Protein backbone atom coordinates (compact mmCIF):
# COMPACT_ATOMS: atom_id res chain seq x y z
CA MET A 1 -8.56 15.81 -4.63
CA SER A 2 -6.19 12.92 -5.26
CA PRO A 3 -7.98 9.65 -6.08
CA TYR A 4 -5.88 8.00 -3.37
CA ALA A 5 -7.54 10.15 -0.70
CA THR A 6 -10.83 8.28 -1.10
CA CYS A 7 -9.44 4.74 -1.34
CA ARG A 8 -10.59 2.57 1.57
CA SER A 9 -8.92 -0.77 0.93
CA TRP A 10 -5.53 -1.79 -0.49
CA TYR A 11 -5.33 -5.51 -1.32
CA PHE A 12 -1.92 -7.18 -1.70
CA VAL A 13 -1.92 -10.16 -4.08
CA GLU A 14 0.68 -12.86 -4.76
CA GLY A 15 2.67 -11.47 -7.65
CA ALA A 16 3.10 -14.64 -9.72
CA ASN A 17 -0.22 -16.36 -8.94
CA ARG A 18 -2.28 -15.78 -12.09
CA GLN A 19 -5.52 -17.08 -10.59
CA ALA A 20 -5.20 -14.94 -7.46
CA LEU A 21 -4.35 -11.89 -9.56
CA GLU A 22 -7.31 -12.43 -11.88
CA GLN A 23 -9.68 -12.98 -8.96
CA ALA A 24 -8.41 -9.98 -6.99
CA VAL A 25 -11.16 -7.76 -8.39
CA MET A 26 -13.67 -9.95 -6.51
CA SER A 27 -12.33 -8.48 -3.27
CA GLY A 28 -13.97 -5.14 -4.07
CA ALA A 29 -10.79 -3.39 -2.94
CA ASP A 30 -10.25 0.12 -4.24
CA VAL A 31 -6.53 -0.48 -4.78
CA LEU A 32 -4.97 -3.72 -5.98
CA VAL A 33 -1.26 -4.36 -5.46
CA GLN A 34 0.83 -6.97 -7.24
CA GLU A 35 3.13 -8.01 -4.38
CA LEU A 36 6.65 -8.86 -5.54
CA GLU A 37 8.37 -8.83 -2.15
CA ASP A 38 7.07 -11.10 0.62
CA PHE A 39 4.51 -12.96 -1.52
CA THR A 40 6.72 -13.74 -4.53
CA PRO A 41 9.87 -15.92 -4.28
CA PRO A 42 12.84 -14.63 -6.33
CA GLU A 43 12.60 -17.44 -8.86
CA GLN A 44 8.97 -16.52 -9.62
CA ARG A 45 9.54 -12.80 -10.17
CA PRO A 46 10.14 -13.06 -13.94
CA THR A 47 6.74 -14.75 -14.20
CA ALA A 48 5.20 -11.94 -12.16
CA HIS A 49 6.78 -9.33 -14.44
CA ALA A 50 5.32 -11.04 -17.50
CA LEU A 51 1.83 -11.06 -15.98
CA ALA A 52 1.84 -7.37 -15.07
CA ALA A 53 0.52 -5.76 -18.26
CA GLY A 54 -2.56 -7.94 -18.60
CA ILE A 55 -3.33 -7.86 -14.90
CA TYR A 56 -3.07 -4.08 -14.51
CA ALA A 57 -5.32 -3.59 -17.54
CA ALA A 58 -7.93 -5.96 -16.09
CA TRP A 59 -7.79 -4.28 -12.69
CA ARG A 60 -8.26 -0.82 -14.20
CA ALA A 61 -11.13 -2.08 -16.34
CA ALA A 62 -12.80 -3.20 -13.10
CA GLY A 63 -12.42 0.30 -11.64
CA ALA A 64 -9.47 -0.31 -9.32
CA ILE A 65 -6.18 1.53 -9.03
CA ALA A 66 -3.46 -0.90 -10.17
CA GLY A 67 -0.08 -0.85 -8.48
CA VAL A 68 2.92 -2.95 -7.60
CA ARG A 69 5.15 -3.42 -4.58
CA ILE A 70 8.71 -4.04 -5.69
CA ASN A 71 11.67 -5.19 -3.65
CA PRO A 72 14.16 -2.72 -2.17
CA LEU A 73 16.21 -1.24 -5.01
CA GLY A 74 19.41 -2.95 -3.88
CA GLN A 75 17.70 -6.31 -3.43
CA GLY A 76 16.04 -6.90 -6.79
CA GLY A 77 13.92 -3.78 -6.97
CA ARG A 78 15.65 -2.40 -10.05
CA ALA A 79 14.97 -5.65 -11.90
CA ASP A 80 11.36 -5.42 -10.74
CA LEU A 81 11.08 -1.90 -12.16
CA ALA A 82 12.56 -3.03 -15.47
CA GLY A 83 10.03 -5.85 -15.56
CA VAL A 84 6.86 -3.96 -14.62
CA MET A 85 7.28 -0.35 -15.76
CA PRO A 86 6.38 -1.23 -19.38
CA ALA A 87 2.98 -2.28 -17.93
CA ARG A 88 2.52 1.27 -16.57
CA PRO A 89 1.55 0.67 -12.93
CA ASP A 90 -0.37 3.53 -11.37
CA PHE A 91 2.05 3.48 -8.43
CA VAL A 92 5.12 1.73 -7.11
CA ALA A 93 5.21 0.82 -3.41
CA LEU A 94 8.61 0.45 -1.78
CA PRO A 95 9.20 -1.74 1.30
CA LYS A 96 11.89 -1.41 3.95
CA VAL A 97 12.19 2.36 3.53
CA ALA A 98 14.97 3.56 5.85
CA GLY A 99 14.63 7.28 5.19
CA PRO A 100 13.99 10.00 2.60
CA ASP A 101 17.03 9.04 0.51
CA ASP A 102 15.37 5.75 -0.44
CA ILE A 103 12.43 7.64 -1.93
CA VAL A 104 14.69 10.08 -3.76
CA ALA A 105 16.47 7.09 -5.33
CA LEU A 106 13.17 5.45 -6.27
CA ASP A 107 11.91 8.71 -7.79
CA ARG A 108 15.01 8.89 -9.98
CA ALA A 109 14.70 5.27 -11.06
CA VAL A 110 11.02 5.64 -11.92
CA ALA A 111 11.64 8.92 -13.76
CA ALA A 112 14.34 7.25 -15.86
CA ALA A 113 11.99 4.38 -16.70
CA GLU A 114 9.23 6.81 -17.68
CA ALA A 115 11.63 8.65 -19.99
CA ASP A 116 12.85 5.42 -21.61
CA LEU A 117 9.30 4.12 -22.14
CA GLY A 118 7.62 7.32 -23.26
CA ILE A 119 5.42 7.50 -20.16
CA ALA A 120 4.27 10.98 -19.17
CA PRO A 121 6.68 12.41 -16.58
CA GLY A 122 5.29 12.10 -13.07
CA ARG A 123 2.49 9.70 -14.02
CA THR A 124 3.77 6.93 -11.75
CA ARG A 125 3.11 7.64 -8.09
CA LEU A 126 5.06 6.29 -5.11
CA VAL A 127 3.84 4.67 -1.87
CA PRO A 128 6.57 4.34 0.77
CA ASN A 129 6.08 1.55 3.31
CA ILE A 130 6.85 2.39 6.94
CA GLU A 131 8.14 -0.81 8.53
CA SER A 132 10.58 0.21 11.28
CA ALA A 133 10.97 2.58 14.21
CA ALA A 134 13.59 4.55 12.27
CA ALA A 135 11.21 5.04 9.35
CA LEU A 136 8.30 5.95 11.62
CA VAL A 137 10.09 8.89 13.21
CA GLN A 138 11.02 10.13 9.72
CA ALA A 139 7.60 9.55 8.16
CA GLY A 140 6.95 13.22 7.43
CA ALA A 141 10.33 13.65 5.74
CA ILE A 142 9.80 10.45 3.77
CA ALA A 143 6.44 11.73 2.53
CA ARG A 144 8.02 15.01 1.43
CA ALA A 145 10.97 13.36 -0.32
CA SER A 146 9.20 13.27 -3.69
CA PRO A 147 6.16 15.00 -5.22
CA ARG A 148 5.19 11.57 -6.54
CA VAL A 149 4.28 10.28 -3.06
CA ALA A 150 0.56 9.43 -3.12
CA ALA A 151 0.22 7.85 0.33
CA LEU A 152 2.19 6.24 3.14
CA MET A 153 1.49 2.69 4.20
CA LEU A 154 2.16 1.15 7.61
CA ALA A 155 3.43 -2.42 8.02
CA SER A 156 2.41 -4.67 10.90
CA GLU A 157 4.60 -7.77 11.07
CA ASP A 158 7.91 -6.13 10.20
CA MET A 159 7.18 -3.18 12.48
CA ALA A 160 6.36 -5.48 15.39
CA ALA A 161 9.54 -7.46 14.75
CA ASP A 162 11.62 -4.28 14.65
CA LEU A 163 10.16 -3.21 18.00
CA GLY A 164 10.50 -6.64 19.57
CA ALA A 165 6.75 -6.55 20.23
CA GLU A 166 4.60 -9.60 20.89
CA ARG A 167 2.05 -9.81 18.07
CA LEU A 168 -1.46 -10.67 19.28
CA PRO A 169 -4.89 -10.46 17.61
CA ASP A 170 -6.00 -7.43 19.62
CA CYS A 171 -3.12 -5.48 18.00
CA ALA A 172 -2.59 -3.46 21.20
CA GLU A 173 1.18 -3.69 20.75
CA LEU A 174 0.96 -1.41 17.70
CA ALA A 175 -1.54 1.13 19.06
CA TYR A 176 1.01 3.90 19.59
CA VAL A 177 2.75 3.20 16.30
CA ARG A 178 -0.52 3.47 14.39
CA GLN A 179 -1.50 6.70 16.12
CA ARG A 180 1.95 8.24 15.59
CA PHE A 181 1.89 7.19 11.94
CA LEU A 182 -1.50 8.83 11.41
CA VAL A 183 -0.35 12.07 13.03
CA GLU A 184 2.78 12.16 10.87
CA CYS A 185 0.72 11.66 7.71
CA ARG A 186 -1.91 14.22 8.65
CA ALA A 187 0.79 16.80 9.43
CA VAL A 188 2.06 16.67 5.84
CA GLY A 189 -1.29 16.10 4.13
CA VAL A 190 -0.61 12.59 2.82
CA PRO A 191 -3.18 9.75 2.99
CA ALA A 192 -2.37 7.23 5.73
CA VAL A 193 -2.99 3.54 4.99
CA ASP A 194 -3.31 1.51 8.19
CA CYS A 195 -1.50 -1.80 8.64
CA PRO A 196 -3.23 -5.07 7.73
CA TYR A 197 -5.00 -7.36 10.16
CA THR A 198 -3.15 -10.62 9.55
CA TRP A 199 -5.51 -13.08 11.27
CA SER A 200 -8.33 -14.79 9.40
CA ASP A 201 -11.34 -14.07 11.64
CA ARG A 202 -13.68 -11.42 10.31
CA GLN A 203 -14.90 -10.32 13.73
CA GLY A 204 -11.36 -9.49 14.77
CA LEU A 205 -10.79 -7.69 11.48
CA ARG A 206 -13.94 -5.63 11.89
CA ALA A 207 -13.03 -4.68 15.47
CA ASP A 208 -9.54 -3.66 14.36
CA ALA A 209 -10.88 -1.61 11.45
CA LEU A 210 -13.44 0.09 13.69
CA TRP A 211 -10.66 1.04 16.10
CA ALA A 212 -8.66 2.45 13.20
CA ARG A 213 -11.64 4.45 11.99
CA ARG A 214 -12.16 5.83 15.48
CA MET A 215 -8.54 7.00 15.54
CA GLY A 216 -9.05 8.82 12.23
CA PHE A 217 -7.86 6.37 9.59
CA GLN A 218 -9.80 6.24 6.34
CA ALA A 219 -7.95 3.35 4.66
CA LYS A 220 -6.44 -0.01 5.49
CA SER A 221 -4.39 -2.62 3.67
CA VAL A 222 -5.58 -6.22 3.48
CA VAL A 223 -3.84 -9.49 2.67
CA ALA A 224 -6.90 -11.74 2.23
CA ARG A 225 -9.51 -11.38 -0.50
CA ALA A 226 -12.42 -11.78 1.90
CA HIS A 227 -11.18 -8.86 4.01
CA GLY A 228 -11.82 -6.27 1.32
CA ALA A 229 -15.58 -6.15 1.81
CA VAL A 230 -15.25 -5.88 5.61
CA VAL A 231 -12.81 -2.98 5.39
CA ASN A 232 -14.90 -1.21 2.75
CA ALA A 233 -18.00 -1.47 4.93
CA VAL A 234 -16.21 0.02 7.94
CA PHE A 235 -14.63 2.89 6.03
CA THR A 236 -17.67 3.83 3.93
CA PRO A 237 -19.35 6.83 5.60
CA ASP A 238 -22.97 6.31 6.60
CA ALA A 239 -25.70 8.93 6.17
CA ALA A 240 -25.09 10.40 9.63
CA ALA A 241 -21.37 10.82 8.97
CA ILE A 242 -22.03 12.47 5.62
CA ALA A 243 -24.54 14.86 7.17
CA HIS A 244 -22.08 15.73 9.95
CA ALA A 245 -19.32 16.43 7.41
CA ARG A 246 -21.60 18.81 5.51
CA ARG A 247 -22.40 20.89 8.61
């Protein structure tokens, strides 16, 4: 079984904020992601690249999977790869995926970096981000575009904006999107990472995570350190669930 199949929480951390990166392990998240897109202004990306090696090593030492979200390849992503691949991230997440061709291009870029750096071929996994209606209806094809794909991840804010949906704390506007995304992932056997709850209240987060679990999700991304423990608690099977699975 892939280690990604049992990961409950994926925590996105400001890519150039050393303190936040160092404290990320306190979230308890199974997967830690150095975020170079939305959370890192262009002028701070060289700083983020320089921090990568030490941060990934510390995250792995704490038992987490250490990854990075770069920018789209044509919008600074290639510079991001050049900056972080020497640090050997466990995976590279790609935002704004429009279709399978984006993942084919990323696969080639990562493979070239592995060859240049003496990294074992195929070591670096890929996590496409589904952020638009066009990507959602191609999710299965996107997942199959490269054998490196370890999981698919659903966005919330960008997806809602693409749909013209009104974003509210009950997240009802994304219910169909989340269910469709899960079905697409299940159909091709790829772990589905639910979109983050982007409000601060823990009760709302817990309710949203419980809904996701009821639908069949087993993992969720988070954008606040305190949310990691809540998501882990919801997605950790209790004794009754374990007994049921064994029957």
